[in-house]
PDB file of N, CA and C in Angstrom:
ATOM      1  N   MET A   1       0.804  -1.119  -0.060  1.00  0.00           N
ATOM      2  CA  MET A   1      -0.010   0.082   0.068  1.00  0.00           C
ATOM      3  C   MET A   1       1.002   1.214  -0.021  1.00  0.00           C
ATOM      4  N   LYS A   2       0.462   2.220  -0.873  1.00  0.00           N
ATOM      5  CA  LYS A   2       1.293   3.408  -0.886  1.00  0.00           C
ATOM      6  C   LYS A   2       0.934   4.329   0.342  1.00  0.00           C
ATOM      7  N   ASP A   3       1.911   5.373   0.499  1.00  0.00           N
ATOM      8  CA  ASP A   3       1.572   6.264   1.504  1.00  0.00           C
ATOM      9  C   ASP A   3       0.461   7.162   1.389  1.00  0.00           C
ATOM     10  N   ASP A   4      -0.016   7.503   0.065  1.00  0.00           N
ATOM     11  CA  ASP A   4      -1.123   8.290  -0.254  1.00  0.00           C
ATOM     12  C   ASP A   4      -2.430   7.430   0.116  1.00  0.00           C
ATOM     13  N   GLU A   5      -2.388   6.209  -0.165  1.00  0.00           N
ATOM     14  CA  GLU A   5      -3.468   5.288   0.240  1.00  0.00           C
ATOM     15  C   GLU A   5      -3.751   5.303   1.635  1.00  0.00           C
ATOM     16  N   LEU A   6      -2.607   5.157   2.505  1.00  0.00           N
ATOM     17  CA  LEU A   6      -2.768   5.210   3.957  1.00  0.00           C
ATOM     18  C   LEU A   6      -3.384   6.466   4.481  1.00  0.00           C
ATOM     19  N   LEU A   7      -2.891   7.617   3.804  1.00  0.00           N
ATOM     20  CA  LEU A   7      -3.400   8.853   4.335  1.00  0.00           C
ATOM     21  C   LEU A   7      -4.936   9.067   4.166  1.00  0.00           C
ATOM     22  N   ASN A   8      -5.467   8.478   2.992  1.00  0.00           N
ATOM     23  CA  ASN A   8      -6.840   8.532   2.697  1.00  0.00           C
ATOM     24  C   ASN A   8      -7.708   7.545   3.638  1.00  0.00           C
ATOM     25  N   GLU A   9      -7.079   6.552   3.958  1.00  0.00           N
ATOM     26  CA  GLU A   9      -7.881   5.548   4.925  1.00  0.00           C
ATOM     27  C   GLU A   9      -7.672   5.771   6.291  1.00  0.00           C
ATOM     28  N   THR A  10      -6.669   6.618   6.774  1.00  0.00           N
ATOM     29  CA  THR A  10      -6.577   6.873   8.331  1.00  0.00           C
ATOM     30  C   THR A  10      -7.477   8.084   8.619  1.00  0.00           C
ATOM     31  N   PRO A  11      -8.443   7.755   9.542  1.00  0.00           N
ATOM     32  CA  PRO A  11      -9.535   8.748  10.003  1.00  0.00           C
ATOM     33  C   PRO A  11      -8.669  10.011  10.674  1.00  0.00           C
ATOM     34  N   ASN A  12      -9.130  11.221  10.438  1.00  0.00           N
ATOM     35  CA  ASN A  12      -8.609  12.305  11.145  1.00  0.00           C
ATOM     36  C   ASN A  12      -9.137  12.500  12.578  1.00  0.00           C
ATOM     37  N   PRO A  13      -8.346  11.995  13.661  1.00  0.00           N
ATOM     38  CA  PRO A  13      -8.756  12.191  14.992  1.00  0.00           C
ATOM     39  C   PRO A  13      -9.279  13.578  15.396  1.00  0.00           C
ATOM     40  N   LYS A  14      -8.792  14.588  14.920  1.00  0.00           N
ATOM     41  CA  LYS A  14      -9.126  16.025  15.298  1.00  0.00           C
ATOM     42  C   LYS A  14     -10.477  16.312  14.891  1.00  0.00           C
ATOM     43  N   SER A  15     -11.085  15.656  13.836  1.00  0.00           N
ATOM     44  CA  SER A  15     -12.326  16.302  13.370  1.00  0.00           C
ATOM     45  C   SER A  15     -13.516  15.923  14.291  1.00  0.00           C
ATOM     46  N   ASP A  16     -13.324  14.802  15.100  1.00  0.00           N
ATOM     47  CA  ASP A  16     -14.370  14.489  15.887  1.00  0.00           C
ATOM     48  C   ASP A  16     -14.378  15.166  17.334  1.00  0.00           C
ATOM     49  N   GLN A  17     -13.325  15.808  17.692  1.00  0.00           N
ATOM     50  CA  GLN A  17     -12.964  16.321  18.956  1.00  0.00           C
ATOM     51  C   GLN A  17     -13.963  17.244  19.429  1.00  0.00           C
ATOM     52  N   PRO A  18     -14.557  18.277  18.665  1.00  0.00           N
ATOM     53  CA  PRO A  18     -15.601  19.279  19.142  1.00  0.00           C
ATOM     54  C   PRO A  18     -16.923  18.529  19.487  1.00  0.00           C
ATOM     55  N   VAL A  19     -17.252  17.462  18.731  1.00  0.00           N
ATOM     56  CA  VAL A  19     -18.508  16.760  18.885  1.00  0.00           C
ATOM     57  C   VAL A  19     -18.455  15.824  20.233  1.00  0.00           C
ATOM     58  N   ILE A  20     -17.206  15.311  20.432  1.00  0.00           N
ATOM     59  CA  ILE A  20     -17.090  14.385  21.486  1.00  0.00           C
ATOM     60  C   ILE A  20     -17.094  15.198  22.780  1.00  0.00           C
ATOM     61  N   ALA A  21     -16.437  16.447  22.716  1.00  0.00           N
ATOM     62  CA  ALA A  21     -16.434  17.446  23.836  1.00  0.00           C
ATOM     63  C   ALA A  21     -17.841  17.882  24.169  1.00  0.00           C
ATOM     64  N   ASP A  22     -18.652  18.151  23.175  1.00  0.00           N
ATOM     65  CA  ASP A  22     -19.967  18.730  23.446  1.00  0.00           C
ATOM     66  C   ASP A  22     -20.710  17.593  24.037  1.00  0.00           C
ATOM     67  N   LYS A  23     -20.619  16.352  23.525  1.00  0.00           N
ATOM     68  CA  LYS A  23     -21.408  15.245  24.110  1.00  0.00           C
ATOM     69  C   LYS A  23     -20.958  15.028  25.624  1.00  0.00           C
ATOM     70  N   SER A  24     -19.815  14.985  25.946  1.00  0.00           N
ATOM     71  CA  SER A  24     -19.230  14.796  27.187  1.00  0.00           C
ATOM     72  C   SER A  24     -19.765  15.891  28.235  1.00  0.00           C
ATOM     73  N   GLN A  25     -19.854  17.133  27.614  1.00  0.00           N
ATOM     74  CA  GLN A  25     -20.316  18.246  28.632  1.00  0.00           C
ATOM     75  C   GLN A  25     -21.713  17.956  28.731  1.00  0.00           C
ATOM     76  N   GLU A  26     -22.509  17.566  27.833  1.00  0.00           N
ATOM     77  CA  GLU A  26     -23.971  17.405  28.073  1.00  0.00           C
ATOM     78  C   GLU A  26     -24.184  16.261  29.027  1.00  0.00           C
ATOM     79  N   PHE A  27     -23.447  15.211  29.041  1.00  0.00           N
ATOM     80  CA  PHE A  27     -23.645  14.048  29.848  1.00  0.00           C
ATOM     81  C   PHE A  27     -23.047  14.473  31.199  1.00  0.00           C
ATOM     82  N   GLY A  28     -22.096  15.164  31.484  1.00  0.00           N
ATOM     83  CA  GLY A  28     -21.536  15.767  32.654  1.00  0.00           C
ATOM     84  C   GLY A  28     -22.708  16.697  33.187  1.00  0.00           C
ATOM     85  N   LEU A  29     -23.284  17.567  32.476  1.00  0.00           N
ATOM     86  CA  LEU A  29     -24.175  18.371  33.071  1.00  0.00           C
ATOM     87  C   LEU A  29     -25.477  17.597  33.484  1.00  0.00           C
ATOM     88  N   LEU A  30     -25.958  16.599  32.723  1.00  0.00           N
ATOM     89  CA  LEU A  30     -26.999  15.707  33.196  1.00  0.00           C
ATOM     90  C   LEU A  30     -26.721  15.025  34.380  1.00  0.00           C
ATOM     91  N   GLY A  31     -25.406  14.487  34.595  1.00  0.00           N
ATOM     92  CA  GLY A  31     -25.100  13.864  35.825  1.00  0.00           C
ATOM     93  C   GLY A  31     -25.050  14.790  37.003  1.00  0.00           C
ATOM     94  N   LEU A  32     -24.515  15.900  36.727  1.00  0.00           N
ATOM     95  CA  LEU A  32     -24.511  16.966  37.937  1.00  0.00           C
ATOM     96  C   LEU A  32     -25.882  17.419  38.349  1.00  0.00           C
ATOM     97  N   THR A  33     -26.801  17.625  37.306  1.00  0.00           N
ATOM     98  CA  THR A  33     -28.164  17.948  37.671  1.00  0.00           C
ATOM     99  C   THR A  33     -28.809  16.867  38.485  1.00  0.00           C
ATOM    100  N   THR A  34     -28.677  15.606  38.024  1.00  0.00           N
ATOM    101  CA  THR A  34     -29.237  14.455  38.635  1.00  0.00           C
ATOM    102  C   THR A  34     -28.740  14.350  40.129  1.00  0.00           C
ATOM    103  N   MET A  35     -27.554  14.613  40.365  1.00  0.00           N
ATOM    104  CA  MET A  35     -26.888  14.509  41.687  1.00  0.00           C
ATOM    105  C   MET A  35     -27.237  15.626  42.558  1.00  0.00           C
ATOM    106  N   PHE A  36     -27.547  16.850  41.905  1.00  0.00           N
ATOM    107  CA  PHE A  36     -27.900  18.102  42.484  1.00  0.00           C
ATOM    108  C   PHE A  36     -29.366  17.877  43.009  1.00  0.00           C
ATOM    109  N   ILE A  37     -30.204  17.244  42.108  1.00  0.00           N
ATOM    110  CA  ILE A  37     -31.579  17.207  42.647  1.00  0.00           C
ATOM    111  C   ILE A  37     -31.756  16.041  43.726  1.00  0.00           C
ATOM    112  N   ILE A  38     -30.874  15.082  43.733  1.00  0.00           N
ATOM    113  CA  ILE A  38     -30.877  13.994  44.763  1.00  0.00           C
ATOM    114  C   ILE A  38     -30.496  14.723  46.028  1.00  0.00           C
ATOM    115  N   LEU A  39     -29.349  15.378  46.057  1.00  0.00           N
ATOM    116  CA  LEU A  39     -28.768  16.143  47.205  1.00  0.00           C
ATOM    117  C   LEU A  39     -29.857  17.209  47.748  1.00  0.00           C
ATOM    118  N   ILE A  40     -30.311  17.961  47.090  1.00  0.00           N
ATOM    119  CA  ILE A  40     -31.301  18.954  47.340  1.00  0.00           C
ATOM    120  C   ILE A  40     -32.508  18.241  48.045  1.00  0.00           C
ATOM    121  N   GLY A  41     -32.900  17.186  47.504  1.00  0.00           N
ATOM    122  CA  GLY A  41     -34.167  16.364  48.078  1.00  0.00           C
ATOM    123  C   GLY A  41     -33.875  15.902  49.486  1.00  0.00           C
ATOM    124  N   TYR A  42     -32.569  15.243  49.549  1.00  0.00           N
ATOM    125  CA  TYR A  42     -32.133  14.832  51.040  1.00  0.00           C
ATOM    126  C   TYR A  42     -31.977  15.983  51.790  1.00  0.00           C
ATOM    127  N   ASN A  43     -31.295  17.105  51.421  1.00  0.00           N
ATOM    128  CA  ASN A  43     -31.218  18.221  52.464  1.00  0.00           C
ATOM    129  C   ASN A  43     -32.384  18.899  52.814  1.00  0.00           C
ATOM    130  N   LEU A  44     -33.387  18.875  51.895  1.00  0.00           N
ATOM    131  CA  LEU A  44     -34.707  19.515  52.270  1.00  0.00           C
ATOM    132  C   LEU A  44     -35.504  18.520  53.243  1.00  0.00           C
ATOM    133  N   PHE A  45     -35.306  17.099  53.047  1.00  0.00           N
ATOM    134  CA  PHE A  45     -36.051  16.243  53.902  1.00  0.00           C
ATOM    135  C   PHE A  45     -35.384  16.296  55.344  1.00  0.00           C
ATOM    136  N   LYS A  46     -34.070  16.466  55.525  1.00  0.00           N
ATOM    137  CA  LYS A  46     -33.435  16.462  56.647  1.00  0.00           C
ATOM    138  C   LYS A  46     -33.389  17.838  57.383  1.00  0.00           C
ATOM    139  N   GLY A  47     -33.858  18.961  56.518  1.00  0.00           N
ATOM    140  CA  GLY A  47     -33.808  20.149  57.143  1.00  0.00           C
ATOM    141  C   GLY A  47     -32.474  20.964  57.105  1.00  0.00           C
ATOM    142  N   LEU A  48     -31.597  20.405  56.249  1.00  0.00           N
ATOM    143  CA  LEU A  48     -30.212  20.975  56.063  1.00  0.00           C
ATOM    144  C   LEU A  48     -30.192  22.266  55.203  1.00  0.00           C
ATOM    145  N   PRO A  49     -29.157  23.057  55.143  1.00  0.00           N
ATOM    146  CA  PRO A  49     -29.182  24.130  54.283  1.00  0.00           C
ATOM    147  C   PRO A  49     -28.794  23.701  52.892  1.00  0.00           C
ATOM    148  N   ILE A  50     -29.417  24.383  51.824  1.00  0.00           N
ATOM    149  CA  ILE A  50     -29.027  23.972  50.553  1.00  0.00           C
ATOM    150  C   ILE A  50     -28.292  25.027  49.672  1.00  0.00           C
ATOM    151  N   SER A  51     -27.870  26.235  50.401  1.00  0.00           N
ATOM    152  CA  SER A  51     -27.213  27.180  49.753  1.00  0.00           C
ATOM    153  C   SER A  51     -25.852  26.870  49.179  1.00  0.00           C
ATOM    154  N   ASP A  52     -25.131  25.972  49.906  1.00  0.00           N
ATOM    155  CA  ASP A  52     -23.948  25.310  49.309  1.00  0.00           C
ATOM    156  C   ASP A  52     -24.027  24.730  48.056  1.00  0.00           C
ATOM    157  N   LEU A  53     -25.020  23.747  47.933  1.00  0.00           N
ATOM    158  CA  LEU A  53     -25.330  23.136  46.715  1.00  0.00           C
ATOM    159  C   LEU A  53     -25.755  24.048  45.556  1.00  0.00           C
ATOM    160  N   ASN A  54     -26.533  25.030  45.932  1.00  0.00           N
ATOM    161  CA  ASN A  54     -26.947  26.079  44.920  1.00  0.00           C
ATOM    162  C   ASN A  54     -25.849  26.795  44.331  1.00  0.00           C
ATOM    163  N   ALA A  55     -24.834  27.171  45.238  1.00  0.00           N
ATOM    164  CA  ALA A  55     -23.648  27.885  44.802  1.00  0.00           C
ATOM    165  C   ALA A  55     -22.862  27.099  43.910  1.00  0.00           C
ATOM    166  N   MET A  56     -22.591  25.721  44.057  1.00  0.00           N
ATOM    167  CA  MET A  56     -21.894  24.962  43.302  1.00  0.00           C
ATOM    168  C   MET A  56     -22.632  24.658  41.929  1.00  0.00           C
ATOM    169  N   PHE A  57     -23.868  24.488  41.988  1.00  0.00           N
ATOM    170  CA  PHE A  57     -24.652  23.987  40.655  1.00  0.00           C
ATOM    171  C   PHE A  57     -24.554  25.321  39.842  1.00  0.00           C
ATOM    172  N   TRP A  58     -24.948  26.515  40.239  1.00  0.00           N
ATOM    173  CA  TRP A  58     -25.079  27.706  39.575  1.00  0.00           C
ATOM    174  C   TRP A  58     -23.762  28.126  39.080  1.00  0.00           C
ATOM    175  N   GLY A  59     -22.828  27.943  40.090  1.00  0.00           N
ATOM    176  CA  GLY A  59     -21.367  28.453  39.600  1.00  0.00           C
ATOM    177  C   GLY A  59     -20.951  27.534  38.393  1.00  0.00           C
ATOM    178  N   TYR A  60     -21.166  26.257  38.297  1.00  0.00           N
ATOM    179  CA  TYR A  60     -20.647  25.354  37.173  1.00  0.00           C
ATOM    180  C   TYR A  60     -21.583  25.866  35.990  1.00  0.00           C
ATOM    181  N   LEU A  61     -22.850  26.100  36.138  1.00  0.00           N
ATOM    182  CA  LEU A  61     -23.657  26.418  34.943  1.00  0.00           C
ATOM    183  C   LEU A  61     -23.410  27.749  34.427  1.00  0.00           C
ATOM    184  N   GLY A  62     -23.111  28.720  35.332  1.00  0.00           N
ATOM    185  CA  GLY A  62     -22.709  29.900  34.896  1.00  0.00           C
ATOM    186  C   GLY A  62     -21.415  30.084  34.129  1.00  0.00           C
ATOM    187  N   MET A  63     -20.290  29.316  34.607  1.00  0.00           N
ATOM    188  CA  MET A  63     -18.950  29.220  33.946  1.00  0.00           C
ATOM    189  C   MET A  63     -19.059  28.474  32.696  1.00  0.00           C
ATOM    190  N   ALA A  64     -19.861  27.309  32.664  1.00  0.00           N
ATOM    191  CA  ALA A  64     -20.155  26.653  31.426  1.00  0.00           C
ATOM    192  C   ALA A  64     -20.687  27.578  30.249  1.00  0.00           C
ATOM    193  N   PHE A  65     -21.538  28.318  30.600  1.00  0.00           N
ATOM    194  CA  PHE A  65     -22.253  29.311  29.590  1.00  0.00           C
ATOM    195  C   PHE A  65     -21.317  30.464  29.350  1.00  0.00           C
ATOM    196  N   VAL A  66     -20.374  30.865  30.182  1.00  0.00           N
ATOM    197  CA  VAL A  66     -19.430  31.949  29.868  1.00  0.00           C
ATOM    198  C   VAL A  66     -18.474  31.471  28.762  1.00  0.00           C
ATOM    199  N   ILE A  67     -18.062  30.132  28.782  1.00  0.00           N
ATOM    200  CA  ILE A  67     -17.258  29.492  27.717  1.00  0.00           C
ATOM    201  C   ILE A  67     -18.099  29.351  26.466  1.00  0.00           C
ATOM    202  N   LYS A  68     -19.274  28.999  26.630  1.00  0.00           N
ATOM    203  CA  LYS A  68     -20.255  28.851  25.468  1.00  0.00           C
ATOM    204  C   LYS A  68     -20.441  30.306  24.651  1.00  0.00           C
ATOM    205  N   TYR A  69     -20.584  31.239  25.714  1.00  0.00           N
ATOM    206  CA  TYR A  69     -20.789  32.557  25.016  1.00  0.00           C
ATOM    207  C   TYR A  69     -19.517  33.040  24.364  1.00  0.00           C
ATOM    208  N   ARG A  70     -18.346  32.800  24.782  1.00  0.00           N
ATOM    209  CA  ARG A  70     -16.978  33.213  24.164  1.00  0.00           C
ATOM    210  C   ARG A  70     -16.802  32.554  22.866  1.00  0.00           C
ATOM    211  N   GLN A  71     -17.423  31.381  22.727  1.00  0.00           N
ATOM    212  CA  GLN A  71     -17.351  30.603  21.479  1.00  0.00           C
ATOM    213  C   GLN A  71     -18.437  30.986  20.503  1.00  0.00           C
ATOM    214  N   GLU A  72     -19.663  31.191  21.001  1.00  0.00           N
ATOM    215  CA  GLU A  72     -20.786  31.356  19.941  1.00  0.00           C
ATOM    216  C   GLU A  72     -21.269  32.755  19.919  1.00  0.00           C
ATOM    217  N   LYS A  73     -21.052  33.577  20.982  1.00  0.00           N
ATOM    218  CA  LYS A  73     -21.428  34.906  21.011  1.00  0.00           C
ATOM    219  C   LYS A  73     -22.885  35.276  20.728  1.00  0.00           C
ATOM    220  N   THR A  74     -23.693  34.352  21.357  1.00  0.00           N
ATOM    221  CA  THR A  74     -25.197  34.616  21.441  1.00  0.00           C
ATOM    222  C   THR A  74     -25.534  35.241  22.799  1.00  0.00           C
ATOM    223  N   THR A  75     -26.625  36.081  22.646  1.00  0.00           N
ATOM    224  CA  THR A  75     -27.218  36.845  23.765  1.00  0.00           C
ATOM    225  C   THR A  75     -27.743  35.769  24.843  1.00  0.00           C
ATOM    226  N   THR A  76     -28.401  34.670  24.340  1.00  0.00           N
ATOM    227  CA  THR A  76     -28.983  33.796  25.412  1.00  0.00           C
ATOM    228  C   THR A  76     -27.912  33.111  26.337  1.00  0.00           C
ATOM    229  N   ASN A  77     -26.738  32.871  25.666  1.00  0.00           N
ATOM    230  CA  ASN A  77     -25.647  32.333  26.493  1.00  0.00           C
ATOM    231  C   ASN A  77     -25.095  33.282  27.479  1.00  0.00           C
ATOM    232  N   LEU A  78     -25.045  34.525  26.906  1.00  0.00           N
ATOM    233  CA  LEU A  78     -24.619  35.577  27.885  1.00  0.00           C
ATOM    234  C   LEU A  78     -25.476  35.752  29.098  1.00  0.00           C
ATOM    235  N   ILE A  79     -26.871  35.851  28.831  1.00  0.00           N
ATOM    236  CA  ILE A  79     -27.912  35.999  29.934  1.00  0.00           C
ATOM    237  C   ILE A  79     -27.791  34.885  30.871  1.00  0.00           C
ATOM    238  N   ILE A  80     -27.684  33.648  30.394  1.00  0.00           N
ATOM    239  CA  ILE A  80     -27.562  32.499  31.411  1.00  0.00           C
ATOM    240  C   ILE A  80     -26.336  32.550  32.098  1.00  0.00           C
ATOM    241  N   ALA A  81     -25.224  32.930  31.471  1.00  0.00           N
ATOM    242  CA  ALA A  81     -23.962  33.036  32.216  1.00  0.00           C
ATOM    243  C   ALA A  81     -23.994  33.990  33.304  1.00  0.00           C
ATOM    244  N   ILE A  82     -24.524  35.181  33.062  1.00  0.00           N
ATOM    245  CA  ILE A  82     -24.507  36.259  33.973  1.00  0.00           C
ATOM    246  C   ILE A  82     -25.468  35.803  35.131  1.00  0.00           C
ATOM    247  N   GLY A  83     -26.657  35.212  34.814  1.00  0.00           N
ATOM    248  CA  GLY A  83     -27.569  34.728  35.851  1.00  0.00           C
ATOM    249  C   GLY A  83     -26.981  33.641  36.649  1.00  0.00           C
ATOM    250  N   GLY A  84     -26.274  32.706  36.000  1.00  0.00           N
ATOM    251  CA  GLY A  84     -25.653  31.712  36.793  1.00  0.00           C
ATOM    252  C   GLY A  84     -24.675  32.147  37.778  1.00  0.00           C
ATOM    253  N   VAL A  85     -23.751  33.033  37.341  1.00  0.00           N
ATOM    254  CA  VAL A  85     -22.696  33.567  38.113  1.00  0.00           C
ATOM    255  C   VAL A  85     -23.280  34.532  39.279  1.00  0.00           C
ATOM    256  N   VAL A  86     -24.379  35.250  39.030  1.00  0.00           N
ATOM    257  CA  VAL A  86     -24.929  36.058  40.055  1.00  0.00           C
ATOM    258  C   VAL A  86     -25.583  35.136  41.026  1.00  0.00           C
ATOM    259  N   ALA A  87     -26.323  34.153  40.588  1.00  0.00           N
ATOM    260  CA  ALA A  87     -26.995  33.103  41.500  1.00  0.00           C
ATOM    261  C   ALA A  87     -26.091  32.397  42.361  1.00  0.00           C
ATOM    262  N   SER A  88     -24.903  32.132  41.784  1.00  0.00           N
ATOM    263  CA  SER A  88     -23.787  31.357  42.552  1.00  0.00           C
ATOM    264  C   SER A  88     -23.183  32.299  43.628  1.00  0.00           C
ATOM    265  N   ILE A  89     -22.872  33.451  43.279  1.00  0.00           N
ATOM    266  CA  ILE A  89     -22.421  34.365  44.372  1.00  0.00           C
ATOM    267  C   ILE A  89     -23.362  34.673  45.295  1.00  0.00           C
ATOM    268  N   SER A  90     -24.670  34.948  44.994  1.00  0.00           N
ATOM    269  CA  SER A  90     -25.577  35.112  46.030  1.00  0.00           C
ATOM    270  C   SER A  90     -25.837  33.943  46.914  1.00  0.00           C
ATOM    271  N   ALA A  91     -25.814  32.731  46.341  1.00  0.00           N
ATOM    272  CA  ALA A  91     -26.027  31.408  47.235  1.00  0.00           C
ATOM    273  C   ALA A  91     -24.838  31.292  48.229  1.00  0.00           C
ATOM    274  N   LEU A  92     -23.648  31.586  47.488  1.00  0.00           N
ATOM    275  CA  LEU A  92     -22.425  31.330  48.474  1.00  0.00           C
ATOM    276  C   LEU A  92     -22.343  32.412  49.572  1.00  0.00           C
ATOM    277  N   ALA A  93     -22.779  33.675  49.290  1.00  0.00           N
ATOM    278  CA  ALA A  93     -22.924  34.725  50.331  1.00  0.00           C
ATOM    279  C   ALA A  93     -23.961  34.280  51.454  1.00  0.00           C
ATOM    280  N   ASN A  94     -25.136  33.703  50.869  1.00  0.00           N
ATOM    281  CA  ASN A  94     -26.186  33.318  51.872  1.00  0.00           C
ATOM    282  C   ASN A  94     -25.594  32.003  52.632  1.00  0.00           C
ATOM    283  N   TYR A  95     -24.946  31.191  52.135  1.00  0.00           N
ATOM    284  CA  TYR A  95     -24.433  29.994  52.821  1.00  0.00           C
ATOM    285  C   TYR A  95     -23.346  30.511  53.885  1.00  0.00           C
ATOM    286  N   ILE A  96     -22.378  31.452  53.539  1.00  0.00           N
ATOM    287  CA  ILE A  96     -21.354  31.915  54.383  1.00  0.00           C
ATOM    288  C   ILE A  96     -22.184  32.648  55.550  1.00  0.00           C
ATOM    289  N   LEU A  97     -23.093  33.556  55.221  1.00  0.00           N
ATOM    290  CA  LEU A  97     -23.723  34.240  56.340  1.00  0.00           C
ATOM    291  C   LEU A  97     -24.535  33.430  57.254  1.00  0.00           C
ATOM    292  N   SER A  98     -25.187  32.397  56.656  1.00  0.00           N
ATOM    293  CA  SER A  98     -25.981  31.469  57.568  1.00  0.00           C
ATOM    294  C   SER A  98     -25.272  30.497  58.472  1.00  0.00           C
ATOM    295  N   THR A  99     -24.047  30.239  58.046  1.00  0.00           N
ATOM    296  CA  THR A  99     -23.107  29.403  58.866  1.00  0.00           C
ATOM    297  C   THR A  99     -22.050  30.122  59.643  1.00  0.00           C
ATOM    298  N   TRP A 100     -21.935  31.298  59.530  1.00  0.00           N
ATOM    299  CA  TRP A 100     -20.979  32.136  60.282  1.00  0.00           C
ATOM    300  C   TRP A 100     -21.076  32.107  61.810  1.00  0.00           C
TER     301      TRP A 100
END
């Protein structure tokens, strides 16, 4: 087999990278959301504070959409990013003040 034939038959590993990264982020967010709902339910059942969980969830969501906004430059991503970051900071402040 000639080198030209090998180049044509060898798949380009870099062409699938953005698709794989997007799928992994979608599954990661699904797993995070599922765990968040379970832990929120448990904390509410036991009467424990949920501000710490809210800060982590909204912080992750906000920063994920900051990256999406930087790539896609859509207003929706910017609004979600700002909302997530603000919600995260306020939940963190609430948690710190309630446990101080």
